[in-house]
Amino acid sequence: MNGLIKSNIVKDNEIPLWFDIYKKFPPKREPAYRSVLGNDIVPDLPKKLFYEEDELRAFYFQNISPIETIVLNSTKRKPNWEIFIETYKKLESDGVDKNELISATIDNLQEKGFYFKNKQKDSKKKLE
């Protein structure tokens, strides 16, 4: 409200009555939007977004651990995890068996010169 008054969006004659009272007698603790008893008036927070490739990305970072330097302001090259997901999707659309998809993706990337830090045999687990 202070910002609205300072920027002259809310005129002096439009300031609500409660604002001056709130300024003179501020609450001891910041108001919460949830009730103590649990009968909330505020609807629940929206569900978290879940993308199809989130599971694959999580698998990649937990099991494969690539050796990679990422330059955040560079648009010249995609990060390895993005290339991994694209290769996975391409092989999936080519009709590769679902049980062999991870190992086929790793093999395909290794043929292209990618190096993975973990033991490759351990990394060829199935995506659940």
C-alpha atoms as a PDB file:
ATOM      1  CA  MET A   1       0.000   0.000   0.000  1.00  0.00           C
ATOM      2  CA  ASN A   2       2.910   2.330   0.750  1.00  0.00           C
ATOM      3  CA  GLY A   3       4.157   1.929  -2.815  1.00  0.00           C
ATOM      4  CA  LEU A   4       0.744   2.779  -4.247  1.00  0.00           C
ATOM      5  CA  ILE A   5       0.526   5.925  -2.152  1.00  0.00           C
ATOM      6  CA  LYS A   6       4.095   7.034  -2.955  1.00  0.00           C
ATOM      7  CA  SER A   7       3.612   6.506  -6.682  1.00  0.00           C
ATOM      8  CA  ASN A   8       0.378   8.506  -6.492  1.00  0.00           C
ATOM      9  CA  ILE A   9      -1.775   5.659  -7.787  1.00  0.00           C
ATOM     10  CA  VAL A  10      -3.915   5.877  -4.647  1.00  0.00           C
ATOM     11  CA  LYS A  11      -4.781   9.504  -3.929  1.00  0.00           C
ATOM     12  CA  ASP A  12      -4.759  10.953  -0.396  1.00  0.00           C
ATOM     13  CA  ASN A  13      -8.549  11.003  -0.255  1.00  0.00           C
ATOM     14  CA  GLU A  14      -8.739   7.329  -1.409  1.00  0.00           C
ATOM     15  CA  ILE A  15      -6.523   5.849   1.338  1.00  0.00           C
ATOM     16  CA  PRO A  16      -8.592   3.262   3.226  1.00  0.00           C
ATOM     17  CA  LEU A  17      -9.394   3.907   6.879  1.00  0.00           C
ATOM     18  CA  TRP A  18      -7.717   0.714   8.063  1.00  0.00           C
ATOM     19  CA  PHE A  19      -4.342   1.765   6.616  1.00  0.00           C
ATOM     20  CA  ASP A  20      -3.666   4.485   9.212  1.00  0.00           C
ATOM     21  CA  ILE A  21      -4.775   2.199  12.041  1.00  0.00           C
ATOM     22  CA  TYR A  22      -2.550  -0.620  10.745  1.00  0.00           C
ATOM     23  CA  LYS A  23       0.395   1.815  10.576  1.00  0.00           C
ATOM     24  CA  LYS A  24      -0.089   3.009  14.172  1.00  0.00           C
ATOM     25  CA  PHE A  25      -0.830  -0.442  15.617  1.00  0.00           C
ATOM     26  CA  PRO A  26       1.006  -3.036  13.535  1.00  0.00           C
ATOM     27  CA  PRO A  27       0.383  -6.704  14.375  1.00  0.00           C
ATOM     28  CA  LYS A  28       2.856  -8.450  16.699  1.00  0.00           C
ATOM     29  CA  ARG A  29       3.413 -11.136  14.073  1.00  0.00           C
ATOM     30  CA  GLU A  30       2.917 -11.111  10.319  1.00  0.00           C
ATOM     31  CA  PRO A  31      -0.616 -12.242   9.374  1.00  0.00           C
ATOM     32  CA  ALA A  32      -0.842 -15.827   8.141  1.00  0.00           C
ATOM     33  CA  TYR A  33      -3.109 -16.914   5.341  1.00  0.00           C
ATOM     34  CA  ARG A  34      -3.785 -20.292   6.900  1.00  0.00           C
ATOM     35  CA  SER A  35      -5.907 -20.744  10.003  1.00  0.00           C
ATOM     36  CA  VAL A  36      -4.587 -22.410  13.142  1.00  0.00           C
ATOM     37  CA  LEU A  37      -7.523 -24.824  13.284  1.00  0.00           C
ATOM     38  CA  GLY A  38      -6.936 -26.112   9.772  1.00  0.00           C
ATOM     39  CA  ASN A  39     -10.250 -25.014   8.264  1.00  0.00           C
ATOM     40  CA  ASP A  40      -8.677 -22.890   5.571  1.00  0.00           C
ATOM     41  CA  ILE A  41     -10.599 -20.335   3.609  1.00  0.00           C
ATOM     42  CA  VAL A  42      -7.740 -19.984   1.138  1.00  0.00           C
ATOM     43  CA  PRO A  43      -7.831 -22.720  -1.508  1.00  0.00           C
ATOM     44  CA  ASP A  44      -4.905 -25.122  -1.656  1.00  0.00           C
ATOM     45  CA  LEU A  45      -1.833 -24.094  -3.565  1.00  0.00           C
ATOM     46  CA  PRO A  46      -1.762 -25.125  -7.222  1.00  0.00           C
ATOM     47  CA  LYS A  47      -0.265 -28.492  -8.036  1.00  0.00           C
ATOM     48  CA  LYS A  48       3.372 -28.527  -9.031  1.00  0.00           C
ATOM     49  CA  LEU A  49       4.008 -28.779 -12.730  1.00  0.00           C
ATOM     50  CA  PHE A  50       5.250 -32.169 -13.858  1.00  0.00           C
ATOM     51  CA  TYR A  51       6.675 -32.574 -17.321  1.00  0.00           C
ATOM     52  CA  GLU A  52       7.079 -35.864 -19.128  1.00  0.00           C
ATOM     53  CA  GLU A  53      10.863 -35.576 -19.239  1.00  0.00           C
ATOM     54  CA  ASP A  54      11.232 -34.711 -15.525  1.00  0.00           C
ATOM     55  CA  GLU A  55      11.492 -38.384 -14.608  1.00  0.00           C
ATOM     56  CA  LEU A  56      14.096 -38.959 -17.306  1.00  0.00           C
ATOM     57  CA  ARG A  57      16.070 -35.872 -16.235  1.00  0.00           C
ATOM     58  CA  ALA A  58      16.044 -37.050 -12.601  1.00  0.00           C
ATOM     59  CA  PHE A  59      17.248 -40.499 -13.677  1.00  0.00           C
ATOM     60  CA  TYR A  60      20.030 -38.899 -15.720  1.00  0.00           C
ATOM     61  CA  PHE A  61      21.375 -36.800 -12.840  1.00  0.00           C
ATOM     62  CA  GLN A  62      21.072 -39.595 -10.251  1.00  0.00           C
ATOM     63  CA  ASN A  63      22.549 -42.468 -12.253  1.00  0.00           C
ATOM     64  CA  ILE A  64      24.727 -41.189 -15.052  1.00  0.00           C
ATOM     65  CA  SER A  65      26.662 -38.220 -13.597  1.00  0.00           C
ATOM     66  CA  PRO A  66      28.346 -36.852 -16.688  1.00  0.00           C
ATOM     67  CA  ILE A  67      31.556 -34.888 -16.682  1.00  0.00           C
ATOM     68  CA  GLU A  68      30.477 -31.551 -18.056  1.00  0.00           C
ATOM     69  CA  THR A  69      31.237 -27.868 -17.758  1.00  0.00           C
ATOM     70  CA  ILE A  70      28.199 -25.682 -18.278  1.00  0.00           C
ATOM     71  CA  VAL A  71      28.520 -22.099 -19.470  1.00  0.00           C
ATOM     72  CA  LEU A  72      25.253 -20.530 -18.412  1.00  0.00           C
ATOM     73  CA  ASN A  73      25.252 -17.586 -20.817  1.00  0.00           C
ATOM     74  CA  SER A  74      26.167 -19.660 -23.880  1.00  0.00           C
ATOM     75  CA  THR A  75      23.543 -20.592 -26.445  1.00  0.00           C
ATOM     76  CA  LYS A  76      25.997 -22.270 -28.816  1.00  0.00           C
ATOM     77  CA  ARG A  77      25.788 -25.734 -27.270  1.00  0.00           C
ATOM     78  CA  LYS A  78      23.064 -27.651 -25.472  1.00  0.00           C
ATOM     79  CA  PRO A  79      23.873 -29.236 -22.105  1.00  0.00           C
ATOM     80  CA  ASN A  80      24.510 -32.989 -22.082  1.00  0.00           C
ATOM     81  CA  TRP A  81      21.304 -33.765 -20.186  1.00  0.00           C
ATOM     82  CA  GLU A  82      19.263 -32.073 -22.916  1.00  0.00           C
ATOM     83  CA  ILE A  83      21.091 -34.034 -25.618  1.00  0.00           C
ATOM     84  CA  PHE A  84      20.459 -37.203 -23.588  1.00  0.00           C
ATOM     85  CA  ILE A  85      16.709 -36.502 -23.446  1.00  0.00           C
ATOM     86  CA  GLU A  86      16.549 -35.688 -27.174  1.00  0.00           C
ATOM     87  CA  THR A  87      18.424 -38.894 -28.038  1.00  0.00           C
ATOM     88  CA  TYR A  88      16.139 -40.885 -25.735  1.00  0.00           C
ATOM     89  CA  LYS A  89      13.019 -39.398 -27.372  1.00  0.00           C
ATOM     90  CA  LYS A  90      14.417 -40.036 -30.881  1.00  0.00           C
ATOM     91  CA  LEU A  91      15.198 -43.671 -30.094  1.00  0.00           C
ATOM     92  CA  GLU A  92      11.788 -44.050 -28.469  1.00  0.00           C
ATOM     93  CA  SER A  93      10.081 -42.730 -31.605  1.00  0.00           C
ATOM     94  CA  ASP A  94      12.240 -45.079 -33.716  1.00  0.00           C
ATOM     95  CA  GLY A  95      10.634 -47.998 -31.883  1.00  0.00           C
ATOM     96  CA  VAL A  96      13.478 -49.162 -29.635  1.00  0.00           C
ATOM     97  CA  ASP A  97      12.273 -51.567 -26.936  1.00  0.00           C
ATOM     98  CA  LYS A  98      11.356 -49.757 -23.708  1.00  0.00           C
ATOM     99  CA  ASN A  99      13.605 -52.063 -21.623  1.00  0.00           C
ATOM    100  CA  GLU A 100      16.632 -51.317 -23.822  1.00  0.00           C
ATOM    101  CA  LEU A 101      16.010 -47.592 -24.257  1.00  0.00           C
ATOM    102  CA  ILE A 102      18.375 -46.290 -21.550  1.00  0.00           C
ATOM    103  CA  SER A 103      21.275 -48.515 -22.551  1.00  0.00           C
ATOM    104  CA  ALA A 104      20.672 -47.747 -26.243  1.00  0.00           C
ATOM    105  CA  THR A 105      20.723 -44.026 -25.474  1.00  0.00           C
ATOM    106  CA  ILE A 106      23.988 -44.324 -23.505  1.00  0.00           C
ATOM    107  CA  ASP A 107      25.561 -46.437 -26.275  1.00  0.00           C
ATOM    108  CA  ASN A 108      24.429 -43.963 -28.918  1.00  0.00           C
ATOM    109  CA  LEU A 109      25.941 -41.026 -27.028  1.00  0.00           C
ATOM    110  CA  GLN A 110      29.187 -42.901 -26.339  1.00  0.00           C
ATOM    111  CA  GLU A 111      29.510 -43.564 -30.075  1.00  0.00           C
ATOM    112  CA  LYS A 112      29.235 -39.806 -30.579  1.00  0.00           C
ATOM    113  CA  GLY A 113      32.110 -39.231 -28.127  1.00  0.00           C
ATOM    114  CA  PHE A 114      30.316 -38.600 -24.846  1.00  0.00           C
ATOM    115  CA  TYR A 115      32.082 -39.792 -21.711  1.00  0.00           C
ATOM    116  CA  PHE A 116      30.250 -40.661 -18.520  1.00  0.00           C
ATOM    117  CA  LYS A 117      31.958 -40.694 -15.118  1.00  0.00           C
ATOM    118  CA  ASN A 118      30.060 -43.598 -13.521  1.00  0.00           C
ATOM    119  CA  LYS A 119      30.500 -47.217 -14.464  1.00  0.00           C
ATOM    120  CA  GLN A 120      28.529 -47.619 -17.665  1.00  0.00           C
ATOM    121  CA  LYS A 121      27.199 -51.045 -16.655  1.00  0.00           C
ATOM    122  CA  ASP A 122      25.679 -49.565 -13.497  1.00  0.00           C
ATOM    123  CA  SER A 123      24.235 -46.645 -15.471  1.00  0.00           C
ATOM    124  CA  LYS A 124      22.292 -48.894 -17.814  1.00  0.00           C
ATOM    125  CA  LYS A 125      19.549 -49.404 -15.250  1.00  0.00           C
ATOM    126  CA  LYS A 126      15.951 -49.286 -16.295  1.00  0.00           C
ATOM    127  CA  LEU A 127      13.921 -46.136 -15.965  1.00  0.00           C
ATOM    128  CA  GLU A 128      11.041 -46.943 -13.617  1.00  0.00           C
END
